[in-house]
Amino acid sequence: MQKRFLKIGIMSEEDFRERMLFIAQGKIKPKADEPKIFFESLHSAGQILSGKNKELLRVILEEKPETLKELADISGRKTSSLSRTLKTMEKYGIVTLEKKNNHVKPIVNATNFKLEMGLFNH
């Protein structure tokens, strides 16, 4: 299985807003190797990438469920809970929820994560 890396950054909401403003104003230009997604803290990143959620990603990769219902049956988790979790992961680019014939198919976009964090974000 090919590793798919996603670089994540840790940055306060205030610093993130300031960064986005600087980018919009052309004062800074993001480098190609910089994180594309940011969490406000290690704690918030840890909630998304918890052991339970990493196991869920593994199940999706190995079992390749075609629907959330099928994933719920395989994983033993409720469809409503899976839907919320996967929508949050989709927001961060970790998964894609592909709509097919009145169903939603989960697809894993990232298998490995690189973390970038510093005391100064500018």
PDB file of N, CA and C in Angstrom:
ATOM      1  N   MET A   1       0.843  -1.180   0.000  1.00  0.00           N
ATOM      2  CA  MET A   1       0.000   0.000   0.000  1.00  0.00           C
ATOM      3  C   MET A   1       0.889   1.245   0.000  1.00  0.00           C
ATOM      4  N   GLN A   2       0.581   2.157  -0.875  1.00  0.00           N
ATOM      5  CA  GLN A   2       1.346   3.386  -0.992  1.00  0.00           C
ATOM      6  C   GLN A   2       1.002   4.342   0.137  1.00  0.00           C
ATOM      7  N   LYS A   3       2.027   4.906   0.766  1.00  0.00           N
ATOM      8  CA  LYS A   3       1.808   5.892   1.815  1.00  0.00           C
ATOM      9  C   LYS A   3       1.393   7.208   1.184  1.00  0.00           C
ATOM     10  N   ARG A   4       0.391   7.824   1.810  1.00  0.00           N
ATOM     11  CA  ARG A   4      -0.063   9.142   1.367  1.00  0.00           C
ATOM     12  C   ARG A   4       0.077  10.090   2.549  1.00  0.00           C
ATOM     13  N   PHE A   5       1.003  11.027   2.425  1.00  0.00           N
ATOM     14  CA  PHE A   5       1.318  11.928   3.523  1.00  0.00           C
ATOM     15  C   PHE A   5       0.456  13.180   3.500  1.00  0.00           C
ATOM     16  N   LEU A   6       0.132  13.654   4.690  1.00  0.00           N
ATOM     17  CA  LEU A   6      -0.567  14.919   4.866  1.00  0.00           C
ATOM     18  C   LEU A   6       0.199  15.686   5.935  1.00  0.00           C
ATOM     19  N   LYS A   7       0.669  16.862   5.584  1.00  0.00           N
ATOM     20  CA  LYS A   7       1.406  17.690   6.533  1.00  0.00           C
ATOM     21  C   LYS A   7       0.420  18.577   7.255  1.00  0.00           C
ATOM     22  N   ILE A   8       0.439  18.519   8.574  1.00  0.00           N
ATOM     23  CA  ILE A   8      -0.464  19.328   9.380  1.00  0.00           C
ATOM     24  C   ILE A   8       0.348  20.291  10.242  1.00  0.00           C
ATOM     25  N   GLY A   9      -0.239  21.426  10.529  1.00  0.00           N
ATOM     26  CA  GLY A   9       0.411  22.419  11.359  1.00  0.00           C
ATOM     27  C   GLY A   9      -0.419  22.715  12.593  1.00  0.00           C
ATOM     28  N   ILE A  10       0.268  23.206  13.606  1.00  0.00           N
ATOM     29  CA  ILE A  10      -0.389  23.639  14.838  1.00  0.00           C
ATOM     30  C   ILE A  10      -0.199  25.142  14.928  1.00  0.00           C
ATOM     31  N   MET A  11      -1.310  25.870  14.998  1.00  0.00           N
ATOM     32  CA  MET A  11      -1.244  27.326  15.029  1.00  0.00           C
ATOM     33  C   MET A  11      -2.504  27.846  15.707  1.00  0.00           C
ATOM     34  N   SER A  12      -2.342  28.840  16.561  1.00  0.00           N
ATOM     35  CA  SER A  12      -3.510  29.411  17.234  1.00  0.00           C
ATOM     36  C   SER A  12      -4.462  30.002  16.205  1.00  0.00           C
ATOM     37  N   GLU A  13      -5.728  30.098  16.574  1.00  0.00           N
ATOM     38  CA  GLU A  13      -6.725  30.655  15.664  1.00  0.00           C
ATOM     39  C   GLU A  13      -6.363  32.093  15.288  1.00  0.00           C
ATOM     40  N   GLU A  14      -5.883  32.842  16.263  1.00  0.00           N
ATOM     41  CA  GLU A  14      -5.494  34.234  16.018  1.00  0.00           C
ATOM     42  C   GLU A  14      -4.345  34.318  15.003  1.00  0.00           C
ATOM     43  N   ASP A  15      -3.311  33.493  15.205  1.00  0.00           N
ATOM     44  CA  ASP A  15      -2.182  33.480  14.272  1.00  0.00           C
ATOM     45  C   ASP A  15      -2.620  32.997  12.891  1.00  0.00           C
ATOM     46  N   PHE A  16      -3.538  32.011  12.856  1.00  0.00           N
ATOM     47  CA  PHE A  16      -4.020  31.501  11.573  1.00  0.00           C
ATOM     48  C   PHE A  16      -4.755  32.593  10.805  1.00  0.00           C
ATOM     49  N   ARG A  17      -5.613  33.348  11.488  1.00  0.00           N
ATOM     50  CA  ARG A  17      -6.336  34.452  10.831  1.00  0.00           C
ATOM     51  C   ARG A  17      -5.369  35.499  10.288  1.00  0.00           C
ATOM     52  N   GLU A  18      -4.371  35.844  11.100  1.00  0.00           N
ATOM     53  CA  GLU A  18      -3.380  36.829  10.676  1.00  0.00           C
ATOM     54  C   GLU A  18      -2.609  36.310   9.459  1.00  0.00           C
ATOM     55  N   ARG A  19      -2.250  35.042   9.474  1.00  0.00           N
ATOM     56  CA  ARG A  19      -1.541  34.430   8.344  1.00  0.00           C
ATOM     57  C   ARG A  19      -2.389  34.508   7.075  1.00  0.00           C
ATOM     58  N   MET A  20      -3.667  34.155   7.179  1.00  0.00           N
ATOM     59  CA  MET A  20      -4.548  34.179   6.016  1.00  0.00           C
ATOM     60  C   MET A  20      -4.695  35.608   5.471  1.00  0.00           C
ATOM     61  N   LEU A  21      -4.749  36.577   6.360  1.00  0.00           N
ATOM     62  CA  LEU A  21      -4.825  37.978   5.953  1.00  0.00           C
ATOM     63  C   LEU A  21      -3.554  38.386   5.201  1.00  0.00           C
ATOM     64  N   PHE A  22      -2.394  37.987   5.739  1.00  0.00           N
ATOM     65  CA  PHE A  22      -1.123  38.296   5.079  1.00  0.00           C
ATOM     66  C   PHE A  22      -1.041  37.636   3.708  1.00  0.00           C
ATOM     67  N   ILE A  23      -1.538  36.423   3.587  1.00  0.00           N
ATOM     68  CA  ILE A  23      -1.544  35.728   2.297  1.00  0.00           C
ATOM     69  C   ILE A  23      -2.448  36.470   1.317  1.00  0.00           C
ATOM     70  N   ALA A  24      -3.644  36.837   1.784  1.00  0.00           N
ATOM     71  CA  ALA A  24      -4.600  37.557   0.921  1.00  0.00           C
ATOM     72  C   ALA A  24      -4.031  38.901   0.471  1.00  0.00           C
ATOM     73  N   GLN A  25      -3.247  39.548   1.326  1.00  0.00           N
ATOM     74  CA  GLN A  25      -2.661  40.847   1.000  1.00  0.00           C
ATOM     75  C   GLN A  25      -1.377  40.723   0.184  1.00  0.00           C
ATOM     76  N   GLY A  26      -0.917  39.485   0.002  1.00  0.00           N
ATOM     77  CA  GLY A  26       0.314  39.262  -0.757  1.00  0.00           C
ATOM     78  C   GLY A  26       1.577  39.531   0.037  1.00  0.00           C
ATOM     79  N   LYS A  27       1.450  39.698   1.365  1.00  0.00           N
ATOM     80  CA  LYS A  27       2.620  39.964   2.205  1.00  0.00           C
ATOM     81  C   LYS A  27       3.463  38.708   2.415  1.00  0.00           C
ATOM     82  N   ILE A  28       2.823  37.544   2.383  1.00  0.00           N
ATOM     83  CA  ILE A  28       3.563  36.285   2.440  1.00  0.00           C
ATOM     84  C   ILE A  28       2.992  35.342   1.391  1.00  0.00           C
ATOM     85  N   LYS A  29       3.862  34.476   0.920  1.00  0.00           N
ATOM     86  CA  LYS A  29       3.449  33.472  -0.058  1.00  0.00           C
ATOM     87  C   LYS A  29       3.765  32.109   0.555  1.00  0.00           C
ATOM     88  N   PRO A  30       2.735  31.257   0.744  1.00  0.00           N
ATOM     89  CA  PRO A  30       2.987  29.941   1.340  1.00  0.00           C
ATOM     90  C   PRO A  30       3.948  29.128   0.477  1.00  0.00           C
ATOM     91  N   LYS A  31       4.858  28.429   1.135  1.00  0.00           N
ATOM     92  CA  LYS A  31       5.804  27.567   0.426  1.00  0.00           C
ATOM     93  C   LYS A  31       5.128  26.224   0.140  1.00  0.00           C
ATOM     94  N   ALA A  32       5.576  25.562  -0.893  1.00  0.00           N
ATOM     95  CA  ALA A  32       4.975  24.291  -1.316  1.00  0.00           C
ATOM     96  C   ALA A  32       5.046  23.225  -0.229  1.00  0.00           C
ATOM     97  N   ASP A  33       6.090  23.271   0.609  1.00  0.00           N
ATOM     98  CA  ASP A  33       6.255  22.226   1.620  1.00  0.00           C
ATOM     99  C   ASP A  33       5.603  22.567   2.969  1.00  0.00           C
ATOM    100  N   GLU A  34       4.880  23.686   3.036  1.00  0.00           N
ATOM    101  CA  GLU A  34       4.206  24.060   4.284  1.00  0.00           C
ATOM    102  C   GLU A  34       2.926  23.256   4.464  1.00  0.00           C
ATOM    103  N   PRO A  35       2.482  23.124   5.721  1.00  0.00           N
ATOM    104  CA  PRO A  35       1.210  22.422   5.959  1.00  0.00           C
ATOM    105  C   PRO A  35       0.062  23.090   5.210  1.00  0.00           C
ATOM    106  N   LYS A  36      -0.875  22.267   4.792  1.00  0.00           N
ATOM    107  CA  LYS A  36      -2.069  22.770   4.100  1.00  0.00           C
ATOM    108  C   LYS A  36      -3.247  22.913   5.062  1.00  0.00           C
ATOM    109  N   ILE A  37      -3.176  22.179   6.165  1.00  0.00           N
ATOM    110  CA  ILE A  37      -4.242  22.262   7.166  1.00  0.00           C
ATOM    111  C   ILE A  37      -3.621  22.544   8.527  1.00  0.00           C
ATOM    112  N   PHE A  38      -4.385  23.208   9.365  1.00  0.00           N
ATOM    113  CA  PHE A  38      -3.892  23.592  10.682  1.00  0.00           C
ATOM    114  C   PHE A  38      -4.914  23.246  11.755  1.00  0.00           C
ATOM    115  N   PHE A  39      -4.390  22.821  12.893  1.00  0.00           N
ATOM    116  CA  PHE A  39      -5.186  22.610  14.095  1.00  0.00           C
ATOM    117  C   PHE A  39      -4.743  23.664  15.100  1.00  0.00           C
ATOM    118  N   GLU A  40      -5.652  24.015  16.001  1.00  0.00           N
ATOM    119  CA  GLU A  40      -5.329  25.048  16.981  1.00  0.00           C
ATOM    120  C   GLU A  40      -4.374  24.536  18.071  1.00  0.00           C
ATOM    121  N   SER A  41      -4.402  23.237  18.317  1.00  0.00           N
ATOM    122  CA  SER A  41      -3.545  22.678  19.358  1.00  0.00           C
ATOM    123  C   SER A  41      -3.245  21.219  19.064  1.00  0.00           C
ATOM    124  N   LEU A  42      -2.255  20.679  19.757  1.00  0.00           N
ATOM    125  CA  LEU A  42      -1.973  19.249  19.659  1.00  0.00           C
ATOM    126  C   LEU A  42      -3.175  18.442  20.138  1.00  0.00           C
ATOM    127  N   HIS A  43      -3.853  18.972  21.143  1.00  0.00           N
ATOM    128  CA  HIS A  43      -5.035  18.287  21.671  1.00  0.00           C
ATOM    129  C   HIS A  43      -6.105  18.143  20.588  1.00  0.00           C
ATOM    130  N   SER A  44      -6.386  19.214  19.856  1.00  0.00           N
ATOM    131  CA  SER A  44      -7.423  19.141  18.825  1.00  0.00           C
ATOM    132  C   SER A  44      -6.993  18.205  17.689  1.00  0.00           C
ATOM    133  N   ALA A  45      -5.719  18.205  17.320  1.00  0.00           N
ATOM    134  CA  ALA A  45      -5.220  17.266  16.308  1.00  0.00           C
ATOM    135  C   ALA A  45      -5.354  15.838  16.827  1.00  0.00           C
ATOM    136  N   GLY A  46      -5.046  15.655  18.106  1.00  0.00           N
ATOM    137  CA  GLY A  46      -5.132  14.328  18.716  1.00  0.00           C
ATOM    138  C   GLY A  46      -6.552  13.784  18.763  1.00  0.00           C
ATOM    139  N   GLN A  47      -7.524  14.658  18.896  1.00  0.00           N
ATOM    140  CA  GLN A  47      -8.918  14.202  18.890  1.00  0.00           C
ATOM    141  C   GLN A  47      -9.304  13.650  17.519  1.00  0.00           C
ATOM    142  N   ILE A  48      -8.872  14.305  16.462  1.00  0.00           N
ATOM    143  CA  ILE A  48      -9.187  13.858  15.105  1.00  0.00           C
ATOM    144  C   ILE A  48      -8.400  12.592  14.771  1.00  0.00           C
ATOM    145  N   LEU A  49      -7.152  12.530  15.221  1.00  0.00           N
ATOM    146  CA  LEU A  49      -6.288  11.391  14.904  1.00  0.00           C
ATOM    147  C   LEU A  49      -6.148  10.439  16.094  1.00  0.00           C
ATOM    148  N   SER A  50      -7.239  10.262  16.822  1.00  0.00           N
ATOM    149  CA  SER A  50      -7.243   9.362  17.976  1.00  0.00           C
ATOM    150  C   SER A  50      -7.041   7.922  17.521  1.00  0.00           C
ATOM    151  N   GLY A  51      -6.732   7.054  18.448  1.00  0.00           N
ATOM    152  CA  GLY A  51      -6.571   5.639  18.130  1.00  0.00           C
ATOM    153  C   GLY A  51      -7.812   5.058  17.472  1.00  0.00           C
ATOM    154  N   LYS A  52      -8.970   5.435  17.981  1.00  0.00           N
ATOM    155  CA  LYS A  52     -10.245   4.943  17.429  1.00  0.00           C
ATOM    156  C   LYS A  52     -10.431   5.403  15.983  1.00  0.00           C
ATOM    157  N   ASN A  53     -10.063   6.652  15.705  1.00  0.00           N
ATOM    158  CA  ASN A  53     -10.222   7.175  14.351  1.00  0.00           C
ATOM    159  C   ASN A  53      -9.154   6.631  13.401  1.00  0.00           C
ATOM    160  N   LYS A  54      -7.938   6.393  13.903  1.00  0.00           N
ATOM    161  CA  LYS A  54      -6.918   5.769  13.066  1.00  0.00           C
ATOM    162  C   LYS A  54      -7.338   4.348  12.703  1.00  0.00           C
ATOM    163  N   GLU A  55      -7.949   3.646  13.634  1.00  0.00           N
ATOM    164  CA  GLU A  55      -8.474   2.306  13.351  1.00  0.00           C
ATOM    165  C   GLU A  55      -9.565   2.369  12.290  1.00  0.00           C
ATOM    166  N   LEU A  56     -10.406   3.381  12.361  1.00  0.00           N
ATOM    167  CA  LEU A  56     -11.457   3.576  11.367  1.00  0.00           C
ATOM    168  C   LEU A  56     -10.849   3.772   9.972  1.00  0.00           C
ATOM    169  N   LEU A  57      -9.797   4.570   9.883  1.00  0.00           N
ATOM    170  CA  LEU A  57      -9.125   4.781   8.602  1.00  0.00           C
ATOM    171  C   LEU A  57      -8.538   3.475   8.074  1.00  0.00           C
ATOM    172  N   ARG A  58      -7.956   2.687   8.968  1.00  0.00           N
ATOM    173  CA  ARG A  58      -7.399   1.390   8.568  1.00  0.00           C
ATOM    174  C   ARG A  58      -8.484   0.473   8.021  1.00  0.00           C
ATOM    175  N   VAL A  59      -9.643   0.438   8.688  1.00  0.00           N
ATOM    176  CA  VAL A  59     -10.765  -0.395   8.242  1.00  0.00           C
ATOM    177  C   VAL A  59     -11.223   0.046   6.849  1.00  0.00           C
ATOM    178  N   ILE A  60     -11.316   1.346   6.626  1.00  0.00           N
ATOM    179  CA  ILE A  60     -11.736   1.852   5.313  1.00  0.00           C
ATOM    180  C   ILE A  60     -10.733   1.419   4.238  1.00  0.00           C
ATOM    181  N   LEU A  61      -9.449   1.553   4.542  1.00  0.00           N
ATOM    182  CA  LEU A  61      -8.417   1.172   3.576  1.00  0.00           C
ATOM    183  C   LEU A  61      -8.453  -0.318   3.258  1.00  0.00           C
ATOM    184  N   GLU A  62      -8.597  -1.137   4.281  1.00  0.00           N
ATOM    185  CA  GLU A  62      -8.529  -2.590   4.088  1.00  0.00           C
ATOM    186  C   GLU A  62      -9.824  -3.190   3.557  1.00  0.00           C
ATOM    187  N   GLU A  63     -10.947  -2.729   4.052  1.00  0.00           N
ATOM    188  CA  GLU A  63     -12.237  -3.334   3.697  1.00  0.00           C
ATOM    189  C   GLU A  63     -12.914  -2.665   2.505  1.00  0.00           C
ATOM    190  N   LYS A  64     -12.528  -1.416   2.217  1.00  0.00           N
ATOM    191  CA  LYS A  64     -13.081  -0.655   1.094  1.00  0.00           C
ATOM    192  C   LYS A  64     -14.622  -0.665   1.043  1.00  0.00           C
ATOM    193  N   PRO A  65     -15.268  -0.231   2.120  1.00  0.00           N
ATOM    194  CA  PRO A  65     -16.738  -0.216   2.128  1.00  0.00           C
ATOM    195  C   PRO A  65     -17.286   0.735   1.075  1.00  0.00           C
ATOM    196  N   GLU A  66     -18.389   0.368   0.497  1.00  0.00           N
ATOM    197  CA  GLU A  66     -19.024   1.177  -0.551  1.00  0.00           C
ATOM    198  C   GLU A  66     -19.995   2.208   0.021  1.00  0.00           C
ATOM    199  N   THR A  67     -20.437   1.996   1.270  1.00  0.00           N
ATOM    200  CA  THR A  67     -21.404   2.903   1.895  1.00  0.00           C
ATOM    201  C   THR A  67     -21.062   3.100   3.365  1.00  0.00           C
ATOM    202  N   LEU A  68     -21.635   4.143   3.970  1.00  0.00           N
ATOM    203  CA  LEU A  68     -21.464   4.342   5.410  1.00  0.00           C
ATOM    204  C   LEU A  68     -22.141   3.216   6.196  1.00  0.00           C
ATOM    205  N   LYS A  69     -23.255   2.720   5.693  1.00  0.00           N
ATOM    206  CA  LYS A  69     -23.963   1.615   6.351  1.00  0.00           C
ATOM    207  C   LYS A  69     -23.055   0.392   6.409  1.00  0.00           C
ATOM    208  N   GLU A  70     -22.384   0.095   5.305  1.00  0.00           N
ATOM    209  CA  GLU A  70     -21.465  -1.043   5.269  1.00  0.00           C
ATOM    210  C   GLU A  70     -20.309  -0.815   6.247  1.00  0.00           C
ATOM    211  N   LEU A  71     -19.790   0.399   6.296  1.00  0.00           N
ATOM    212  CA  LEU A  71     -18.718   0.732   7.231  1.00  0.00           C
ATOM    213  C   LEU A  71     -19.197   0.589   8.674  1.00  0.00           C
ATOM    214  N   ALA A  72     -20.417   1.011   8.946  1.00  0.00           N
ATOM    215  CA  ALA A  72     -20.991   0.867  10.289  1.00  0.00           C
ATOM    216  C   ALA A  72     -21.070  -0.602  10.675  1.00  0.00           C
ATOM    217  N   ASP A  73     -21.505  -1.452   9.760  1.00  0.00           N
ATOM    218  CA  ASP A  73     -21.601  -2.889  10.035  1.00  0.00           C
ATOM    219  C   ASP A  73     -20.224  -3.487  10.311  1.00  0.00           C
ATOM    220  N   ILE A  74     -19.229  -3.092   9.523  1.00  0.00           N
ATOM    221  CA  ILE A  74     -17.874  -3.634   9.679  1.00  0.00           C
ATOM    222  C   ILE A  74     -17.231  -3.145  10.974  1.00  0.00           C
ATOM    223  N   SER A  75     -17.392  -1.847  11.251  1.00  0.00           N
ATOM    224  CA  SER A  75     -16.687  -1.225  12.375  1.00  0.00           C
ATOM    225  C   SER A  75     -17.410  -1.352  13.713  1.00  0.00           C
ATOM    226  N   GLY A  76     -18.725  -1.630  13.663  1.00  0.00           N
ATOM    227  CA  GLY A  76     -19.484  -1.690  14.905  1.00  0.00           C
ATOM    228  C   GLY A  76     -19.851  -0.320  15.445  1.00  0.00           C
ATOM    229  N   ARG A  77     -19.639   0.721  14.662  1.00  0.00           N
ATOM    230  CA  ARG A  77     -19.987   2.077  15.085  1.00  0.00           C
ATOM    231  C   ARG A  77     -21.309   2.483  14.434  1.00  0.00           C
ATOM    232  N   LYS A  78     -22.012   3.416  15.054  1.00  0.00           N
ATOM    233  CA  LYS A  78     -23.291   3.886  14.523  1.00  0.00           C
ATOM    234  C   LYS A  78     -23.059   4.771  13.301  1.00  0.00           C
ATOM    235  N   THR A  79     -23.959   4.664  12.346  1.00  0.00           N
ATOM    236  CA  THR A  79     -23.852   5.439  11.114  1.00  0.00           C
ATOM    237  C   THR A  79     -23.814   6.933  11.401  1.00  0.00           C
ATOM    238  N   SER A  80     -24.638   7.417  12.329  1.00  0.00           N
ATOM    239  CA  SER A  80     -24.675   8.853  12.634  1.00  0.00           C
ATOM    240  C   SER A  80     -23.333   9.331  13.199  1.00  0.00           C
ATOM    241  N   SER A  81     -22.732   8.527  14.060  1.00  0.00           N
ATOM    242  CA  SER A  81     -21.435   8.852  14.640  1.00  0.00           C
ATOM    243  C   SER A  81     -20.350   8.838  13.560  1.00  0.00           C
ATOM    244  N   LEU A  82     -20.390   7.834  12.692  1.00  0.00           N
ATOM    245  CA  LEU A  82     -19.425   7.750  11.593  1.00  0.00           C
ATOM    246  C   LEU A  82     -19.551   8.960  10.682  1.00  0.00           C
ATOM    247  N   SER A  83     -20.767   9.340  10.378  1.00  0.00           N
ATOM    248  CA  SER A  83     -21.008  10.467   9.497  1.00  0.00           C
ATOM    249  C   SER A  83     -20.382  11.738  10.056  1.00  0.00           C
ATOM    250  N   ARG A  84     -20.599  12.004  11.333  1.00  0.00           N
ATOM    251  CA  ARG A  84     -20.022  13.202  11.968  1.00  0.00           C
ATOM    252  C   ARG A  84     -18.498  13.148  11.941  1.00  0.00           C
ATOM    253  N   THR A  85     -17.938  12.005  12.332  1.00  0.00           N
ATOM    254  CA  THR A  85     -16.483  11.849  12.377  1.00  0.00           C
ATOM    255  C   THR A  85     -15.872  12.033  10.997  1.00  0.00           C
ATOM    256  N   LEU A  86     -16.465  11.382  10.002  1.00  0.00           N
ATOM    257  CA  LEU A  86     -15.917  11.441   8.645  1.00  0.00           C
ATOM    258  C   LEU A  86     -16.084  12.829   8.019  1.00  0.00           C
ATOM    259  N   LYS A  87     -17.161  13.533   8.349  1.00  0.00           N
ATOM    260  CA  LYS A  87     -17.333  14.901   7.841  1.00  0.00           C
ATOM    261  C   LYS A  87     -16.246  15.810   8.411  1.00  0.00           C
ATOM    262  N   THR A  88     -15.908  15.610   9.672  1.00  0.00           N
ATOM    263  CA  THR A  88     -14.831  16.391  10.280  1.00  0.00           C
ATOM    264  C   THR A  88     -13.506  16.053   9.614  1.00  0.00           C
ATOM    265  N   MET A  89     -13.248  14.766   9.400  1.00  0.00           N
ATOM    266  CA  MET A  89     -12.015  14.359   8.723  1.00  0.00           C
ATOM    267  C   MET A  89     -11.955  14.888   7.295  1.00  0.00           C
ATOM    268  N   GLU A  90     -13.101  14.944   6.641  1.00  0.00           N
ATOM    269  CA  GLU A  90     -13.150  15.466   5.277  1.00  0.00           C
ATOM    270  C   GLU A  90     -12.782  16.953   5.266  1.00  0.00           C
ATOM    271  N   LYS A  91     -13.235  17.676   6.275  1.00  0.00           N
ATOM    272  CA  LYS A  91     -12.930  19.109   6.388  1.00  0.00           C
ATOM    273  C   LYS A  91     -11.411  19.342   6.416  1.00  0.00           C
ATOM    274  N   TYR A  92     -10.673  18.383   6.993  1.00  0.00           N
ATOM    275  CA  TYR A  92      -9.221  18.497   7.091  1.00  0.00           C
ATOM    276  C   TYR A  92      -8.491  17.791   5.948  1.00  0.00           C
ATOM    277  N   GLY A  93      -9.223  17.220   5.004  1.00  0.00           N
ATOM    278  CA  GLY A  93      -8.590  16.573   3.863  1.00  0.00           C
ATOM    279  C   GLY A  93      -8.108  15.161   4.110  1.00  0.00           C
ATOM    280  N   ILE A  94      -8.464  14.591   5.246  1.00  0.00           N
ATOM    281  CA  ILE A  94      -8.011  13.248   5.598  1.00  0.00           C
ATOM    282  C   ILE A  94      -8.782  12.193   4.807  1.00  0.00           C
ATOM    283  N   VAL A  95     -10.064  12.439   4.574  1.00  0.00           N
ATOM    284  CA  VAL A  95     -10.901  11.539   3.779  1.00  0.00           C
ATOM    285  C   VAL A  95     -11.709  12.353   2.777  1.00  0.00           C
ATOM    286  N   THR A  96     -12.258  11.643   1.808  1.00  0.00           N
ATOM    287  CA  THR A  96     -13.238  12.208   0.883  1.00  0.00           C
ATOM    288  C   THR A  96     -14.492  11.380   1.027  1.00  0.00           C
ATOM    289  N   LEU A  97     -15.640  12.042   1.062  1.00  0.00           N
ATOM    290  CA  LEU A  97     -16.927  11.343   1.096  1.00  0.00           C
ATOM    291  C   LEU A  97     -17.546  11.488  -0.292  1.00  0.00           C
ATOM    292  N   GLU A  98     -17.433  10.424  -1.060  1.00  0.00           N
ATOM    293  CA  GLU A  98     -17.885  10.428  -2.454  1.00  0.00           C
ATOM    294  C   GLU A  98     -19.351  10.022  -2.528  1.00  0.00           C
ATOM    295  N   LYS A  99     -20.166  10.889  -3.083  1.00  0.00           N
ATOM    296  CA  LYS A  99     -21.601  10.597  -3.216  1.00  0.00           C
ATOM    297  C   LYS A  99     -21.836   9.750  -4.455  1.00  0.00           C
ATOM    298  N   LYS A 100     -22.475   8.578  -4.248  1.00  0.00           N
ATOM    299  CA  LYS A 100     -22.749   7.644  -5.344  1.00  0.00           C
ATOM    300  C   LYS A 100     -24.135   7.029  -5.139  1.00  0.00           C
ATOM    301  N   ASN A 101     -25.049   7.280  -6.068  1.00  0.00           N
ATOM    302  CA  ASN A 101     -26.372   6.638  -6.049  1.00  0.00           C
ATOM    303  C   ASN A 101     -27.045   6.673  -4.679  1.00  0.00           C
ATOM    304  N   ASN A 102     -27.244   7.839  -4.126  1.00  0.00           N
ATOM    305  CA  ASN A 102     -27.896   8.009  -2.817  1.00  0.00           C
ATOM    306  C   ASN A 102     -27.123   7.398  -1.654  1.00  0.00           C
ATOM    307  N   HIS A 103     -25.858   7.096  -1.854  1.00  0.00           N
ATOM    308  CA  HIS A 103     -24.999   6.569  -0.798  1.00  0.00           C
ATOM    309  C   HIS A 103     -23.747   7.427  -0.726  1.00  0.00           C
ATOM    310  N   VAL A 104     -23.034   7.278   0.370  1.00  0.00           N
ATOM    311  CA  VAL A 104     -21.769   7.989   0.540  1.00  0.00           C
ATOM    312  C   VAL A 104     -20.673   6.949   0.751  1.00  0.00           C
ATOM    313  N   LYS A 105     -19.643   7.018  -0.100  1.00  0.00           N
ATOM    314  CA  LYS A 105     -18.517   6.098  -0.014  1.00  0.00           C
ATOM    315  C   LYS A 105     -17.333   6.828   0.607  1.00  0.00           C
ATOM    316  N   PRO A 106     -16.786   6.320   1.727  1.00  0.00           N
ATOM    317  CA  PRO A 106     -15.618   6.953   2.336  1.00  0.00           C
ATOM    318  C   PRO A 106     -14.332   6.515   1.632  1.00  0.00           C
ATOM    319  N   ILE A 107     -13.459   7.473   1.364  1.00  0.00           N
ATOM    320  CA  ILE A 107     -12.175   7.213   0.724  1.00  0.00           C
ATOM    321  C   ILE A 107     -11.089   7.887   1.554  1.00  0.00           C
ATOM    322  N   VAL A 108     -10.051   7.150   1.905  1.00  0.00           N
ATOM    323  CA  VAL A 108      -8.956   7.684   2.716  1.00  0.00           C
ATOM    324  C   VAL A 108      -7.966   8.403   1.805  1.00  0.00           C
ATOM    325  N   ASN A 109      -7.653   9.654   2.152  1.00  0.00           N
ATOM    326  CA  ASN A 109      -6.693  10.453   1.385  1.00  0.00           C
ATOM    327  C   ASN A 109      -5.301  10.446   1.996  1.00  0.00           C
ATOM    328  N   ALA A 110      -5.204  10.220   3.291  1.00  0.00           N
ATOM    329  CA  ALA A 110      -3.911  10.296   3.973  1.00  0.00           C
ATOM    330  C   ALA A 110      -3.728   9.093   4.892  1.00  0.00           C
ATOM    331  N   THR A 111      -2.560   8.480   4.802  1.00  0.00           N
ATOM    332  CA  THR A 111      -2.245   7.341   5.663  1.00  0.00           C
ATOM    333  C   THR A 111      -1.168   7.682   6.686  1.00  0.00           C
ATOM    334  N   ASN A 112      -0.420   8.743   6.420  1.00  0.00           N
ATOM    335  CA  ASN A 112       0.648   9.159   7.314  1.00  0.00           C
ATOM    336  C   ASN A 112       0.569  10.673   7.490  1.00  0.00           C
ATOM    337  N   PHE A 113       0.983  11.130   8.674  1.00  0.00           N
ATOM    338  CA  PHE A 113       0.855  12.542   9.003  1.00  0.00           C
ATOM    339  C   PHE A 113       2.187  13.078   9.492  1.00  0.00           C
ATOM    340  N   LYS A 114       2.535  14.253   8.990  1.00  0.00           N
ATOM    341  CA  LYS A 114       3.735  14.952   9.435  1.00  0.00           C
ATOM    342  C   LYS A 114       3.270  16.215  10.127  1.00  0.00           C
ATOM    343  N   LEU A 115       3.841  16.479  11.279  1.00  0.00           N
ATOM    344  CA  LEU A 115       3.427  17.606  12.107  1.00  0.00           C
ATOM    345  C   LEU A 115       4.485  18.695  12.072  1.00  0.00           C
ATOM    346  N   GLU A 116       4.035  19.930  11.895  1.00  0.00           N
ATOM    347  CA  GLU A 116       4.922  21.074  11.961  1.00  0.00           C
ATOM    348  C   GLU A 116       4.373  22.048  12.985  1.00  0.00           C
ATOM    349  N   MET A 117       5.240  22.418  13.921  1.00  0.00           N
ATOM    350  CA  MET A 117       4.804  23.315  14.979  1.00  0.00           C
ATOM    351  C   MET A 117       5.997  24.140  15.416  1.00  0.00           C
ATOM    352  N   GLY A 118       5.800  25.414  15.650  1.00  0.00           N
ATOM    353  CA  GLY A 118       6.864  26.272  16.121  1.00  0.00           C
ATOM    354  C   GLY A 118       6.345  27.295  17.108  1.00  0.00           C
ATOM    355  N   LEU A 119       7.257  27.948  17.772  1.00  0.00           N
ATOM    356  CA  LEU A 119       6.868  28.997  18.714  1.00  0.00           C
ATOM    357  C   LEU A 119       6.450  30.251  17.970  1.00  0.00           C
ATOM    358  N   PHE A 120       7.023  30.442  16.781  1.00  0.00           N
ATOM    359  CA  PHE A 120       6.702  31.619  15.990  1.00  0.00           C
ATOM    360  C   PHE A 120       6.174  31.159  14.653  1.00  0.00           C
ATOM    361  N   ASN A 121       5.001  31.648  14.265  1.00  0.00           N
ATOM    362  CA  ASN A 121       4.343  31.168  13.059  1.00  0.00           C
ATOM    363  C   ASN A 121       4.470  32.112  11.878  1.00  0.00           C
ATOM    364  N   HIS A 122       5.245  33.158  11.999  1.00  0.00           N
ATOM    365  CA  HIS A 122       5.371  34.110  10.877  1.00  0.00           C
ATOM    366  C   HIS A 122       6.756  34.011  10.295  1.00  0.00           C
TER     367      HIS A 122
END
